[in-house]
Each structure stands twice: as C-alpha cells, then as structure tokens.
Amino acid sequence: MNDDRQQSHNRRVPREEVRRRLLAEAARVFAERGYADARIEDIAAGAGFTKGAVYSNFGGKQELFGAILGDGAETELAAVRGEIRDTDDLPTLIGRVVSLVTRRIVEDGGRGHLGLEFAARAARDEPTRQILAPMRRAQRAGSARSIAEVAERTGARPAVDLDQAALILHCLTNGLVNEHIADPESVDAEAVGRALTTVLTCLLPLPGEQDS
C-alpha cells in the first residue's frame, strides 16, 4: 500500500481504533525487541498504518512506550474497582483484589519487563522521567480513591492516610513484579498472594481490630 492510499485508509479508521491497534502492536514489539531496538516504522506497519499515525497519536517512541504502561495500569485499576463494587464484606473484597492482582503479576511478565525497562530509562533520562512521574502519580491517586471506596463500603479504617496507603501498595506491587521476574520459583503466586493479603489486612483493619 503506497503512502497516499495508506493515509486515506488511516483517515477512515476511528482514532480510538488507531490508538488501540498501535498500542497492541507496540506492546508486542517492545516486549520482543526491547525499547532500544524497537522501531516506530515497524510498529506502525505491523498495526497497518504509517509512522505518521504514531507521531500524531503519541508524539514519539517514548510517549508510546509510556502509554502502553499507562493503559495497562488503567485497565487493572478498572478491574480492581469492578471487584469491590458489589460486596461490603472486607475479607471477601480483599480476597478478590489479591486474586486479581496476583494473576496480573505472575501471568503478565511481558508488561512487567516493559515497566522495569521504562523505570531504568527514567533514572538516566530526564524526558523519560517526565513521562513516567505523572503516570505514577495518577496510578497512586487511583489507588487512594479505591482504598477510600473500600473503607466507605466496608467500615474499615485505614491504618495510615490514603496517600501513604496508596504509596505502600504501589511500591509493594511494583516490588513483587520485580521479584517474580527475578525469582519466579520462590516468588510464586502463593508468595505474592500472601504478601498482598498481609499488607492489605494491615492497611484496612475493621473498627476494633486496630486496638486488638
């Protein structure tokens, strides 16, 4: 397909569909080749577009890389919020969230590797950090809102303020991702689930449990 026909094709595809296809192909290419060896033109071609579609939707490779991680985090947060909406029993709720997050950690190693690579780049590269930092803040803010919803629904009283609780959970889940990648035999689904359950139970005690 020549450039004129490709651009005409691009205009007929809804923007959200273009974005979805580019993200899916980019996730595959980045996971397969790593950030440095992934090429914008290959990602665009694999999704059925020209590289201009990448620049018009994401601005470039760094923004596209960050968008993959942000999209995955938003999907996970939406799934967690779905798990907490129809029960006010705290142990049941914690069990559902732990099960969901554990599956994500042990079954989605590709996205975990991407997260590690992006964080490592951010430590050395200021433009990358400028993309990663607000994304991480948004993730923590989403976690804080979820904790507040759980507390309101179940009557739990967070052991620390919401921002601190969100930071603890954010660091825990990222750390568990890293440890599972490094040592999946020891940090398996059971170990991940126990760690999450322990911390969530400590962060969200019911009235009377804090003094017991």
N, C-alpha and C. Protein backbone atom coordinates (compact mmCIF):
# COMPACT_ATOMS: atom_id res chain seq x y z
N MET A 1 0.86 -1.19 0.00
CA MET A 1 0.00 0.00 0.00
C MET A 1 0.89 1.24 0.00
N ASN A 2 0.73 2.17 -1.03
CA ASN A 2 1.57 3.36 -1.06
C ASN A 2 1.12 4.35 0.00
N ASP A 3 1.93 5.44 0.19
CA ASP A 3 1.67 6.36 1.28
C ASP A 3 0.32 7.05 1.15
N ASP A 4 -0.06 7.46 -0.11
CA ASP A 4 -1.33 8.16 -0.29
C ASP A 4 -2.49 7.26 0.08
N ARG A 5 -2.46 6.01 -0.39
CA ARG A 5 -3.53 5.07 -0.06
C ARG A 5 -3.53 4.75 1.42
N GLN A 6 -2.33 4.64 2.03
CA GLN A 6 -2.24 4.35 3.47
C GLN A 6 -2.85 5.49 4.28
N GLN A 7 -2.53 6.74 3.91
CA GLN A 7 -3.05 7.89 4.64
C GLN A 7 -4.57 7.98 4.50
N SER A 8 -5.08 7.66 3.29
CA SER A 8 -6.53 7.65 3.11
C SER A 8 -7.18 6.59 3.98
N HIS A 9 -6.52 5.43 4.06
CA HIS A 9 -7.01 4.35 4.92
C HIS A 9 -7.03 4.80 6.39
N ASN A 10 -5.94 5.48 6.80
CA ASN A 10 -5.85 5.93 8.19
C ASN A 10 -6.99 6.87 8.55
N ARG A 11 -7.38 7.75 7.58
CA ARG A 11 -8.43 8.71 7.88
C ARG A 11 -9.77 8.03 8.08
N ARG A 12 -9.96 6.83 7.50
CA ARG A 12 -11.23 6.14 7.62
C ARG A 12 -11.33 5.35 8.93
N VAL A 13 -10.22 5.09 9.57
CA VAL A 13 -10.24 4.31 10.81
C VAL A 13 -10.45 5.26 11.99
N PRO A 14 -11.43 5.01 12.85
CA PRO A 14 -11.65 5.88 14.02
C PRO A 14 -10.37 6.01 14.84
N ARG A 15 -10.18 7.19 15.40
CA ARG A 15 -8.95 7.47 16.13
C ARG A 15 -8.73 6.49 17.27
N GLU A 16 -9.79 6.14 17.99
CA GLU A 16 -9.62 5.20 19.11
C GLU A 16 -9.17 3.83 18.64
N GLU A 17 -9.63 3.43 17.44
CA GLU A 17 -9.20 2.14 16.89
C GLU A 17 -7.73 2.20 16.46
N VAL A 18 -7.34 3.33 15.88
CA VAL A 18 -5.93 3.52 15.52
C VAL A 18 -5.06 3.40 16.76
N ARG A 19 -5.48 4.10 17.81
CA ARG A 19 -4.72 4.07 19.07
C ARG A 19 -4.65 2.65 19.64
N ARG A 20 -5.78 1.95 19.63
CA ARG A 20 -5.81 0.59 20.19
C ARG A 20 -4.87 -0.33 19.44
N ARG A 21 -4.90 -0.27 18.11
CA ARG A 21 -4.06 -1.15 17.31
C ARG A 21 -2.58 -0.82 17.45
N LEU A 22 -2.26 0.47 17.52
CA LEU A 22 -0.87 0.85 17.71
C LEU A 22 -0.35 0.40 19.07
N LEU A 23 -1.16 0.55 20.11
CA LEU A 23 -0.74 0.11 21.45
C LEU A 23 -0.52 -1.39 21.49
N ALA A 24 -1.42 -2.14 20.87
CA ALA A 24 -1.29 -3.60 20.88
C ALA A 24 -0.03 -4.04 20.15
N GLU A 25 0.22 -3.45 18.99
CA GLU A 25 1.42 -3.83 18.22
C GLU A 25 2.68 -3.35 18.92
N ALA A 26 2.64 -2.15 19.49
CA ALA A 26 3.81 -1.62 20.18
C ALA A 26 4.16 -2.49 21.39
N ALA A 27 3.16 -2.95 22.13
CA ALA A 27 3.42 -3.81 23.28
C ALA A 27 4.11 -5.08 22.84
N ARG A 28 3.67 -5.63 21.72
CA ARG A 28 4.29 -6.86 21.20
C ARG A 28 5.73 -6.60 20.78
N VAL A 29 5.96 -5.53 20.04
CA VAL A 29 7.30 -5.24 19.51
C VAL A 29 8.27 -4.87 20.64
N PHE A 30 7.82 -4.04 21.56
CA PHE A 30 8.69 -3.66 22.68
C PHE A 30 9.06 -4.88 23.53
N ALA A 31 8.07 -5.74 23.79
CA ALA A 31 8.35 -6.93 24.59
C ALA A 31 9.31 -7.87 23.88
N GLU A 32 9.21 -7.93 22.56
CA GLU A 32 10.04 -8.85 21.77
C GLU A 32 11.45 -8.31 21.58
N ARG A 33 11.58 -6.99 21.35
CA ARG A 33 12.88 -6.42 20.97
C ARG A 33 13.50 -5.52 22.02
N GLY A 34 12.72 -5.07 22.99
CA GLY A 34 13.21 -4.06 23.92
C GLY A 34 13.07 -2.67 23.33
N TYR A 35 13.20 -1.66 24.20
CA TYR A 35 12.97 -0.28 23.76
C TYR A 35 13.97 0.15 22.69
N ALA A 36 15.24 -0.08 22.92
CA ALA A 36 16.27 0.45 22.03
C ALA A 36 16.14 -0.09 20.61
N ASP A 37 15.78 -1.36 20.46
CA ASP A 37 15.74 -1.98 19.13
C ASP A 37 14.38 -1.93 18.46
N ALA A 38 13.38 -1.44 19.17
CA ALA A 38 12.04 -1.31 18.56
C ALA A 38 12.02 -0.07 17.67
N ARG A 39 11.47 -0.22 16.46
CA ARG A 39 11.44 0.90 15.52
C ARG A 39 10.01 1.34 15.27
N ILE A 40 9.82 2.67 15.25
CA ILE A 40 8.49 3.24 15.05
C ILE A 40 7.86 2.74 13.76
N GLU A 41 8.66 2.69 12.68
CA GLU A 41 8.10 2.28 11.39
C GLU A 41 7.63 0.83 11.41
N ASP A 42 8.31 -0.02 12.16
CA ASP A 42 7.89 -1.42 12.25
C ASP A 42 6.60 -1.56 13.04
N ILE A 43 6.50 -0.79 14.12
CA ILE A 43 5.27 -0.81 14.93
C ILE A 43 4.09 -0.33 14.09
N ALA A 44 4.29 0.78 13.40
CA ALA A 44 3.21 1.34 12.58
C ALA A 44 2.79 0.35 11.49
N ALA A 45 3.77 -0.21 10.79
CA ALA A 45 3.45 -1.15 9.71
C ALA A 45 2.73 -2.38 10.24
N GLY A 46 3.17 -2.89 11.39
CA GLY A 46 2.52 -4.06 11.97
C GLY A 46 1.08 -3.81 12.35
N ALA A 47 0.78 -2.55 12.71
CA ALA A 47 -0.60 -2.19 13.06
C ALA A 47 -1.42 -1.80 11.84
N GLY A 48 -0.77 -1.66 10.67
CA GLY A 48 -1.48 -1.31 9.44
C GLY A 48 -1.51 0.16 9.13
N PHE A 49 -0.53 0.93 9.66
CA PHE A 49 -0.52 2.38 9.45
C PHE A 49 0.88 2.84 9.05
N THR A 50 0.99 4.13 8.73
CA THR A 50 2.30 4.73 8.52
C THR A 50 2.82 5.23 9.87
N LYS A 51 4.12 5.55 9.92
CA LYS A 51 4.67 6.02 11.19
C LYS A 51 4.09 7.38 11.60
N GLY A 52 3.53 8.10 10.61
CA GLY A 52 2.86 9.36 10.95
C GLY A 52 1.72 9.16 11.93
N ALA A 53 1.07 7.98 11.90
CA ALA A 53 -0.02 7.69 12.83
C ALA A 53 0.49 7.61 14.26
N VAL A 54 1.72 7.11 14.42
CA VAL A 54 2.31 7.05 15.76
C VAL A 54 2.56 8.45 16.29
N TYR A 55 3.18 9.29 15.46
CA TYR A 55 3.51 10.64 15.91
C TYR A 55 2.27 11.48 16.17
N SER A 56 1.22 11.28 15.39
CA SER A 56 0.02 12.09 15.58
C SER A 56 -0.78 11.65 16.79
N ASN A 57 -0.63 10.39 17.20
CA ASN A 57 -1.37 9.89 18.36
C ASN A 57 -0.57 9.90 19.65
N PHE A 58 0.76 9.77 19.55
CA PHE A 58 1.57 9.61 20.76
C PHE A 58 2.77 10.55 20.83
N GLY A 59 3.14 11.17 19.74
CA GLY A 59 4.25 12.11 19.76
C GLY A 59 5.60 11.49 19.50
N GLY A 60 5.77 10.20 19.75
CA GLY A 60 7.04 9.56 19.53
C GLY A 60 7.17 8.27 20.31
N LYS A 61 8.37 7.69 20.28
CA LYS A 61 8.56 6.37 20.88
C LYS A 61 8.45 6.40 22.40
N GLN A 62 9.01 7.42 23.04
CA GLN A 62 8.92 7.49 24.50
C GLN A 62 7.47 7.57 24.97
N GLU A 63 6.70 8.45 24.33
CA GLU A 63 5.30 8.61 24.71
C GLU A 63 4.50 7.33 24.45
N LEU A 64 4.81 6.66 23.36
CA LEU A 64 4.13 5.41 23.05
C LEU A 64 4.46 4.35 24.09
N PHE A 65 5.72 4.27 24.47
CA PHE A 65 6.14 3.31 25.49
C PHE A 65 5.41 3.57 26.81
N GLY A 66 5.37 4.85 27.21
CA GLY A 66 4.66 5.20 28.43
C GLY A 66 3.17 4.92 28.34
N ALA A 67 2.59 5.13 27.17
CA ALA A 67 1.15 4.90 27.00
C ALA A 67 0.80 3.43 27.18
N ILE A 68 1.67 2.53 26.76
CA ILE A 68 1.43 1.10 26.94
C ILE A 68 1.30 0.79 28.43
N LEU A 69 2.23 1.32 29.22
CA LEU A 69 2.20 1.06 30.66
C LEU A 69 1.00 1.74 31.30
N GLY A 70 0.71 2.96 30.89
CA GLY A 70 -0.43 3.67 31.46
C GLY A 70 -1.74 2.99 31.13
N ASP A 71 -1.86 2.50 29.92
CA ASP A 71 -3.09 1.81 29.51
C ASP A 71 -3.28 0.53 30.33
N GLY A 72 -2.20 -0.20 30.54
CA GLY A 72 -2.30 -1.42 31.35
C GLY A 72 -2.68 -1.12 32.78
N ALA A 73 -2.11 -0.04 33.35
CA ALA A 73 -2.44 0.34 34.73
C ALA A 73 -3.89 0.76 34.86
N GLU A 74 -4.39 1.50 33.86
CA GLU A 74 -5.80 1.93 33.91
C GLU A 74 -6.73 0.73 33.81
N THR A 75 -6.38 -0.23 32.97
CA THR A 75 -7.20 -1.44 32.83
C THR A 75 -7.24 -2.22 34.13
N GLU A 76 -6.08 -2.34 34.78
CA GLU A 76 -6.02 -3.07 36.05
C GLU A 76 -6.82 -2.35 37.14
N LEU A 77 -6.69 -1.02 37.20
CA LEU A 77 -7.43 -0.27 38.21
C LEU A 77 -8.93 -0.41 38.00
N ALA A 78 -9.37 -0.36 36.75
CA ALA A 78 -10.79 -0.54 36.46
C ALA A 78 -11.26 -1.93 36.88
N ALA A 79 -10.42 -2.93 36.67
CA ALA A 79 -10.78 -4.29 37.07
C ALA A 79 -10.87 -4.40 38.59
N VAL A 80 -9.94 -3.77 39.30
CA VAL A 80 -9.98 -3.78 40.76
C VAL A 80 -11.25 -3.11 41.27
N ARG A 81 -11.57 -1.97 40.70
CA ARG A 81 -12.78 -1.26 41.15
C ARG A 81 -14.02 -2.08 40.85
N GLY A 82 -14.00 -2.84 39.77
CA GLY A 82 -15.13 -3.72 39.49
C GLY A 82 -15.29 -4.81 40.53
N GLU A 83 -14.18 -5.28 41.08
CA GLU A 83 -14.22 -6.34 42.08
C GLU A 83 -14.75 -5.85 43.43
N ILE A 84 -14.65 -4.55 43.70
CA ILE A 84 -15.02 -4.06 45.02
C ILE A 84 -16.41 -3.43 45.06
N ARG A 85 -17.12 -3.46 43.95
CA ARG A 85 -18.37 -2.70 43.90
C ARG A 85 -19.58 -3.44 44.46
N ASP A 86 -19.54 -4.76 44.51
CA ASP A 86 -20.77 -5.48 44.85
C ASP A 86 -20.66 -6.27 46.15
N THR A 87 -19.74 -5.89 47.03
CA THR A 87 -19.65 -6.56 48.33
C THR A 87 -19.20 -5.56 49.38
N ASP A 88 -19.71 -5.72 50.60
CA ASP A 88 -19.24 -4.90 51.71
C ASP A 88 -18.54 -5.75 52.77
N ASP A 89 -18.23 -6.99 52.42
CA ASP A 89 -17.51 -7.89 53.32
C ASP A 89 -16.02 -7.73 53.06
N LEU A 90 -15.30 -7.22 54.04
CA LEU A 90 -13.90 -6.88 53.82
C LEU A 90 -13.02 -8.08 53.46
N PRO A 91 -13.09 -9.21 54.17
CA PRO A 91 -12.25 -10.35 53.77
C PRO A 91 -12.54 -10.83 52.34
N THR A 92 -13.81 -10.84 51.96
CA THR A 92 -14.16 -11.24 50.59
C THR A 92 -13.56 -10.26 49.58
N LEU A 93 -13.68 -9.00 49.89
CA LEU A 93 -13.17 -7.97 48.99
C LEU A 93 -11.65 -8.06 48.85
N ILE A 94 -10.97 -8.21 49.97
CA ILE A 94 -9.51 -8.34 49.91
C ILE A 94 -9.12 -9.59 49.12
N GLY A 95 -9.84 -10.68 49.32
CA GLY A 95 -9.54 -11.90 48.59
C GLY A 95 -9.68 -11.73 47.09
N ARG A 96 -10.72 -11.01 46.67
CA ARG A 96 -10.92 -10.78 45.23
C ARG A 96 -9.80 -9.93 44.65
N VAL A 97 -9.46 -8.86 45.34
CA VAL A 97 -8.41 -7.97 44.84
C VAL A 97 -7.07 -8.70 44.79
N VAL A 98 -6.75 -9.45 45.83
CA VAL A 98 -5.50 -10.20 45.87
C VAL A 98 -5.44 -11.18 44.70
N SER A 99 -6.52 -11.90 44.45
CA SER A 99 -6.55 -12.86 43.36
C SER A 99 -6.31 -12.18 42.01
N LEU A 100 -6.96 -11.05 41.80
CA LEU A 100 -6.82 -10.32 40.54
C LEU A 100 -5.40 -9.81 40.34
N VAL A 101 -4.85 -9.15 41.37
CA VAL A 101 -3.52 -8.56 41.23
C VAL A 101 -2.45 -9.66 41.13
N THR A 102 -2.63 -10.74 41.87
CA THR A 102 -1.68 -11.86 41.78
C THR A 102 -1.62 -12.43 40.37
N ARG A 103 -2.77 -12.62 39.77
CA ARG A 103 -2.79 -13.13 38.38
C ARG A 103 -2.06 -12.18 37.45
N ARG A 104 -2.29 -10.90 37.62
CA ARG A 104 -1.63 -9.92 36.76
C ARG A 104 -0.12 -10.00 36.92
N ILE A 105 0.34 -10.16 38.15
CA ILE A 105 1.78 -10.18 38.39
C ILE A 105 2.43 -11.44 37.82
N VAL A 106 1.83 -12.59 38.03
CA VAL A 106 2.50 -13.84 37.63
C VAL A 106 2.22 -14.24 36.19
N GLU A 107 1.18 -13.68 35.58
CA GLU A 107 0.83 -14.09 34.21
C GLU A 107 1.18 -13.07 33.15
N ASP A 108 1.54 -11.85 33.54
CA ASP A 108 1.78 -10.79 32.57
C ASP A 108 3.21 -10.31 32.65
N GLY A 109 4.14 -11.26 32.49
CA GLY A 109 5.55 -10.92 32.60
C GLY A 109 6.03 -9.94 31.55
N GLY A 110 5.43 -9.95 30.36
CA GLY A 110 5.86 -9.04 29.31
C GLY A 110 5.71 -7.59 29.71
N ARG A 111 4.54 -7.23 30.28
CA ARG A 111 4.33 -5.85 30.70
C ARG A 111 5.23 -5.52 31.90
N GLY A 112 5.47 -6.51 32.76
CA GLY A 112 6.38 -6.27 33.87
C GLY A 112 7.78 -5.93 33.41
N HIS A 113 8.26 -6.65 32.39
CA HIS A 113 9.58 -6.34 31.83
C HIS A 113 9.61 -4.93 31.24
N LEU A 114 8.52 -4.54 30.57
CA LEU A 114 8.46 -3.20 30.00
C LEU A 114 8.52 -2.15 31.10
N GLY A 115 7.81 -2.39 32.19
CA GLY A 115 7.82 -1.45 33.30
C GLY A 115 9.22 -1.28 33.89
N LEU A 116 9.92 -2.39 34.05
CA LEU A 116 11.29 -2.33 34.55
C LEU A 116 12.18 -1.53 33.60
N GLU A 117 12.03 -1.78 32.32
CA GLU A 117 12.88 -1.10 31.34
C GLU A 117 12.60 0.40 31.34
N PHE A 118 11.33 0.78 31.42
CA PHE A 118 10.98 2.20 31.39
C PHE A 118 11.49 2.90 32.65
N ALA A 119 11.34 2.24 33.82
CA ALA A 119 11.84 2.84 35.06
C ALA A 119 13.35 3.00 35.02
N ALA A 120 14.05 2.01 34.47
CA ALA A 120 15.51 2.11 34.36
C ALA A 120 15.91 3.26 33.45
N ARG A 121 15.19 3.45 32.36
CA ARG A 121 15.48 4.56 31.45
C ARG A 121 15.21 5.89 32.15
N ALA A 122 14.13 5.95 32.94
CA ALA A 122 13.78 7.20 33.62
C ALA A 122 14.85 7.63 34.60
N ALA A 123 15.57 6.67 35.18
CA ALA A 123 16.63 7.00 36.12
C ALA A 123 17.80 7.70 35.43
N ARG A 124 17.95 7.49 34.13
CA ARG A 124 19.08 8.06 33.40
C ARG A 124 18.68 9.14 32.41
N ASP A 125 17.38 9.27 32.15
CA ASP A 125 16.93 10.13 31.05
C ASP A 125 15.78 11.01 31.53
N GLU A 126 16.01 12.32 31.58
CA GLU A 126 15.00 13.24 32.11
C GLU A 126 13.70 13.25 31.30
N PRO A 127 13.73 13.27 29.95
CA PRO A 127 12.45 13.22 29.22
C PRO A 127 11.62 11.98 29.54
N THR A 128 12.29 10.85 29.74
CA THR A 128 11.55 9.64 30.11
C THR A 128 10.95 9.80 31.51
N ARG A 129 11.72 10.37 32.43
CA ARG A 129 11.21 10.59 33.78
C ARG A 129 9.99 11.50 33.78
N GLN A 130 10.00 12.51 32.89
CA GLN A 130 8.88 13.44 32.82
C GLN A 130 7.61 12.75 32.34
N ILE A 131 7.76 11.66 31.61
CA ILE A 131 6.59 10.87 31.19
C ILE A 131 6.16 9.94 32.31
N LEU A 132 7.16 9.31 32.96
CA LEU A 132 6.85 8.30 33.97
C LEU A 132 6.28 8.89 35.25
N ALA A 133 6.84 10.01 35.72
CA ALA A 133 6.45 10.56 37.02
C ALA A 133 4.96 10.89 37.10
N PRO A 134 4.39 11.65 36.16
CA PRO A 134 2.96 11.93 36.27
C PRO A 134 2.08 10.69 36.12
N MET A 135 2.55 9.72 35.34
CA MET A 135 1.80 8.48 35.21
C MET A 135 1.76 7.73 36.54
N ARG A 136 2.89 7.68 37.24
CA ARG A 136 2.93 7.02 38.55
C ARG A 136 2.07 7.77 39.56
N ARG A 137 2.09 9.11 39.50
CA ARG A 137 1.24 9.88 40.42
C ARG A 137 -0.23 9.57 40.19
N ALA A 138 -0.62 9.48 38.93
CA ALA A 138 -2.01 9.17 38.61
C ALA A 138 -2.39 7.78 39.10
N GLN A 139 -1.47 6.84 38.98
CA GLN A 139 -1.74 5.48 39.46
C GLN A 139 -1.94 5.47 40.97
N ARG A 140 -1.09 6.20 41.69
CA ARG A 140 -1.23 6.25 43.15
C ARG A 140 -2.53 6.94 43.55
N ALA A 141 -2.88 7.99 42.82
CA ALA A 141 -4.14 8.68 43.12
C ALA A 141 -5.33 7.75 42.90
N GLY A 142 -5.28 6.95 41.85
CA GLY A 142 -6.35 5.98 41.61
C GLY A 142 -6.43 4.94 42.71
N SER A 143 -5.26 4.51 43.19
CA SER A 143 -5.24 3.55 44.30
C SER A 143 -5.84 4.17 45.56
N ALA A 144 -5.51 5.43 45.82
CA ALA A 144 -6.07 6.11 47.00
C ALA A 144 -7.59 6.18 46.93
N ARG A 145 -8.11 6.47 45.75
CA ARG A 145 -9.57 6.51 45.60
C ARG A 145 -10.19 5.15 45.85
N SER A 146 -9.54 4.11 45.38
CA SER A 146 -10.05 2.75 45.60
C SER A 146 -10.04 2.39 47.08
N ILE A 147 -8.96 2.76 47.78
CA ILE A 147 -8.88 2.48 49.22
C ILE A 147 -9.99 3.22 49.95
N ALA A 148 -10.23 4.47 49.56
CA ALA A 148 -11.30 5.24 50.19
C ALA A 148 -12.65 4.59 49.95
N GLU A 149 -12.87 4.06 48.75
CA GLU A 149 -14.13 3.38 48.44
C GLU A 149 -14.30 2.12 49.28
N VAL A 150 -13.21 1.37 49.43
CA VAL A 150 -13.27 0.17 50.26
C VAL A 150 -13.60 0.53 51.70
N ALA A 151 -12.95 1.56 52.23
CA ALA A 151 -13.20 1.97 53.61
C ALA A 151 -14.65 2.39 53.80
N GLU A 152 -15.17 3.15 52.86
CA GLU A 152 -16.56 3.59 52.97
C GLU A 152 -17.53 2.42 52.88
N ARG A 153 -17.24 1.49 51.99
CA ARG A 153 -18.15 0.37 51.76
C ARG A 153 -18.14 -0.62 52.92
N THR A 154 -16.98 -0.84 53.51
CA THR A 154 -16.86 -1.92 54.50
C THR A 154 -16.80 -1.43 55.95
N GLY A 155 -16.57 -0.14 56.15
CA GLY A 155 -16.40 0.36 57.50
C GLY A 155 -14.98 0.25 58.01
N ALA A 156 -14.05 -0.18 57.17
CA ALA A 156 -12.65 -0.26 57.58
C ALA A 156 -12.10 1.14 57.81
N ARG A 157 -11.12 1.22 58.68
CA ARG A 157 -10.46 2.49 58.98
C ARG A 157 -8.99 2.38 58.58
N PRO A 158 -8.61 2.99 57.46
CA PRO A 158 -7.21 2.86 57.02
C PRO A 158 -6.23 3.18 58.14
N ALA A 159 -5.21 2.35 58.26
CA ALA A 159 -4.23 2.50 59.34
C ALA A 159 -3.35 3.72 59.14
N VAL A 160 -3.22 4.20 57.90
CA VAL A 160 -2.45 5.40 57.58
C VAL A 160 -3.29 6.24 56.63
N ASP A 161 -2.85 7.47 56.34
CA ASP A 161 -3.64 8.30 55.43
C ASP A 161 -3.65 7.68 54.04
N LEU A 162 -4.63 8.09 53.25
CA LEU A 162 -4.88 7.43 51.96
C LEU A 162 -3.69 7.52 51.01
N ASP A 163 -3.04 8.67 50.95
CA ASP A 163 -1.89 8.80 50.05
C ASP A 163 -0.75 7.87 50.47
N GLN A 164 -0.53 7.75 51.77
CA GLN A 164 0.51 6.86 52.26
C GLN A 164 0.16 5.40 51.97
N ALA A 165 -1.11 5.04 52.19
CA ALA A 165 -1.54 3.68 51.90
C ALA A 165 -1.37 3.35 50.42
N ALA A 166 -1.73 4.31 49.56
CA ALA A 166 -1.58 4.09 48.12
C ALA A 166 -0.12 3.92 47.74
N LEU A 167 0.77 4.72 48.35
CA LEU A 167 2.19 4.59 48.06
C LEU A 167 2.72 3.23 48.50
N ILE A 168 2.30 2.77 49.67
CA ILE A 168 2.74 1.45 50.15
C ILE A 168 2.31 0.36 49.18
N LEU A 169 1.05 0.38 48.76
CA LEU A 169 0.55 -0.64 47.84
C LEU A 169 1.23 -0.56 46.49
N HIS A 170 1.46 0.66 46.02
CA HIS A 170 2.11 0.85 44.72
C HIS A 170 3.52 0.27 44.75
N CYS A 171 4.26 0.58 45.82
CA CYS A 171 5.62 0.05 45.94
C CYS A 171 5.61 -1.47 46.11
N LEU A 172 4.66 -1.97 46.86
CA LEU A 172 4.57 -3.42 47.05
C LEU A 172 4.33 -4.14 45.73
N THR A 173 3.34 -3.69 44.97
CA THR A 173 3.03 -4.39 43.73
C THR A 173 4.19 -4.29 42.73
N ASN A 174 4.80 -3.12 42.63
CA ASN A 174 5.96 -3.00 41.73
C ASN A 174 7.11 -3.89 42.19
N GLY A 175 7.33 -3.93 43.51
CA GLY A 175 8.39 -4.80 44.02
C GLY A 175 8.11 -6.26 43.78
N LEU A 176 6.86 -6.67 43.93
CA LEU A 176 6.50 -8.06 43.68
C LEU A 176 6.68 -8.43 42.21
N VAL A 177 6.35 -7.49 41.33
CA VAL A 177 6.60 -7.73 39.90
C VAL A 177 8.08 -7.98 39.67
N ASN A 178 8.92 -7.12 40.24
CA ASN A 178 10.36 -7.25 40.04
C ASN A 178 10.89 -8.57 40.61
N GLU A 179 10.43 -8.92 41.83
CA GLU A 179 10.92 -10.14 42.46
C GLU A 179 10.42 -11.39 41.74
N HIS A 180 9.20 -11.35 41.23
CA HIS A 180 8.70 -12.51 40.48
C HIS A 180 9.49 -12.70 39.19
N ILE A 181 9.83 -11.60 38.52
CA ILE A 181 10.62 -11.70 37.30
C ILE A 181 12.00 -12.27 37.62
N ALA A 182 12.60 -11.81 38.71
CA ALA A 182 13.95 -12.25 39.06
C ALA A 182 13.98 -13.67 39.61
N ASP A 183 12.94 -14.06 40.36
CA ASP A 183 12.96 -15.36 41.04
C ASP A 183 11.55 -15.95 41.08
N PRO A 184 11.03 -16.36 39.93
CA PRO A 184 9.64 -16.84 39.88
C PRO A 184 9.39 -18.12 40.66
N GLU A 185 10.43 -18.90 40.90
CA GLU A 185 10.23 -20.14 41.65
C GLU A 185 9.97 -19.87 43.13
N SER A 186 10.64 -18.88 43.70
CA SER A 186 10.43 -18.55 45.10
C SER A 186 9.29 -17.56 45.28
N VAL A 187 9.25 -16.56 44.42
CA VAL A 187 8.18 -15.55 44.50
C VAL A 187 7.10 -15.96 43.51
N ASP A 188 6.40 -17.03 43.88
CA ASP A 188 5.34 -17.57 43.02
C ASP A 188 4.00 -16.97 43.40
N ALA A 189 2.93 -17.49 42.80
CA ALA A 189 1.61 -16.94 43.05
C ALA A 189 1.23 -17.00 44.52
N GLU A 190 1.59 -18.08 45.19
CA GLU A 190 1.26 -18.20 46.61
C GLU A 190 1.97 -17.14 47.43
N ALA A 191 3.26 -16.94 47.17
CA ALA A 191 4.02 -15.94 47.92
C ALA A 191 3.51 -14.54 47.64
N VAL A 192 3.20 -14.25 46.39
CA VAL A 192 2.66 -12.94 46.03
C VAL A 192 1.33 -12.71 46.74
N GLY A 193 0.46 -13.70 46.70
CA GLY A 193 -0.84 -13.56 47.35
C GLY A 193 -0.74 -13.34 48.84
N ARG A 194 0.18 -14.06 49.49
CA ARG A 194 0.36 -13.88 50.94
C ARG A 194 0.83 -12.46 51.26
N ALA A 195 1.77 -11.97 50.50
CA ALA A 195 2.29 -10.62 50.75
C ALA A 195 1.19 -9.58 50.59
N LEU A 196 0.43 -9.69 49.51
CA LEU A 196 -0.65 -8.73 49.27
C LEU A 196 -1.71 -8.81 50.37
N THR A 197 -2.08 -10.01 50.75
CA THR A 197 -3.11 -10.19 51.79
C THR A 197 -2.64 -9.60 53.11
N THR A 198 -1.38 -9.85 53.47
CA THR A 198 -0.84 -9.35 54.73
C THR A 198 -0.89 -7.83 54.78
N VAL A 199 -0.42 -7.19 53.71
CA VAL A 199 -0.35 -5.72 53.72
C VAL A 199 -1.75 -5.11 53.65
N LEU A 200 -2.62 -5.64 52.82
CA LEU A 200 -3.98 -5.10 52.73
C LEU A 200 -4.72 -5.25 54.06
N THR A 201 -4.54 -6.37 54.72
CA THR A 201 -5.20 -6.59 56.00
C THR A 201 -4.69 -5.62 57.05
N CYS A 202 -3.40 -5.33 57.03
CA CYS A 202 -2.84 -4.37 57.97
C CYS A 202 -3.27 -2.94 57.65
N LEU A 203 -3.37 -2.61 56.38
CA LEU A 203 -3.74 -1.25 55.99
C LEU A 203 -5.22 -0.96 56.20
N LEU A 204 -6.06 -2.00 56.17
CA LEU A 204 -7.51 -1.80 56.22
C LEU A 204 -8.14 -2.61 57.36
N PRO A 205 -7.80 -2.29 58.60
CA PRO A 205 -8.44 -3.01 59.71
C PRO A 205 -9.87 -2.52 59.93
N LEU A 206 -10.71 -3.40 60.39
CA LEU A 206 -12.07 -3.02 60.79
C LEU A 206 -12.02 -2.36 62.17
N PRO A 207 -13.04 -1.57 62.52
CA PRO A 207 -13.06 -0.96 63.85
C PRO A 207 -12.91 -2.00 64.94
N GLY A 208 -12.07 -1.72 65.91
CA GLY A 208 -11.81 -2.67 67.00
C GLY A 208 -10.59 -3.51 66.76
N GLU A 209 -10.25 -3.77 65.46
CA GLU A 209 -9.07 -4.59 65.17
C GLU A 209 -7.78 -3.82 65.41
N GLN A 210 -7.83 -2.49 65.27
CA GLN A 210 -6.61 -1.70 65.44
C GLN A 210 -6.10 -1.76 66.88
N ASP A 211 -7.03 -1.93 67.83
CA ASP A 211 -6.64 -1.95 69.24
C ASP A 211 -6.41 -3.35 69.78
N SER A 212 -6.72 -4.38 68.94
CA SER A 212 -6.63 -5.75 69.45
C SER A 212 -5.22 -6.28 69.31
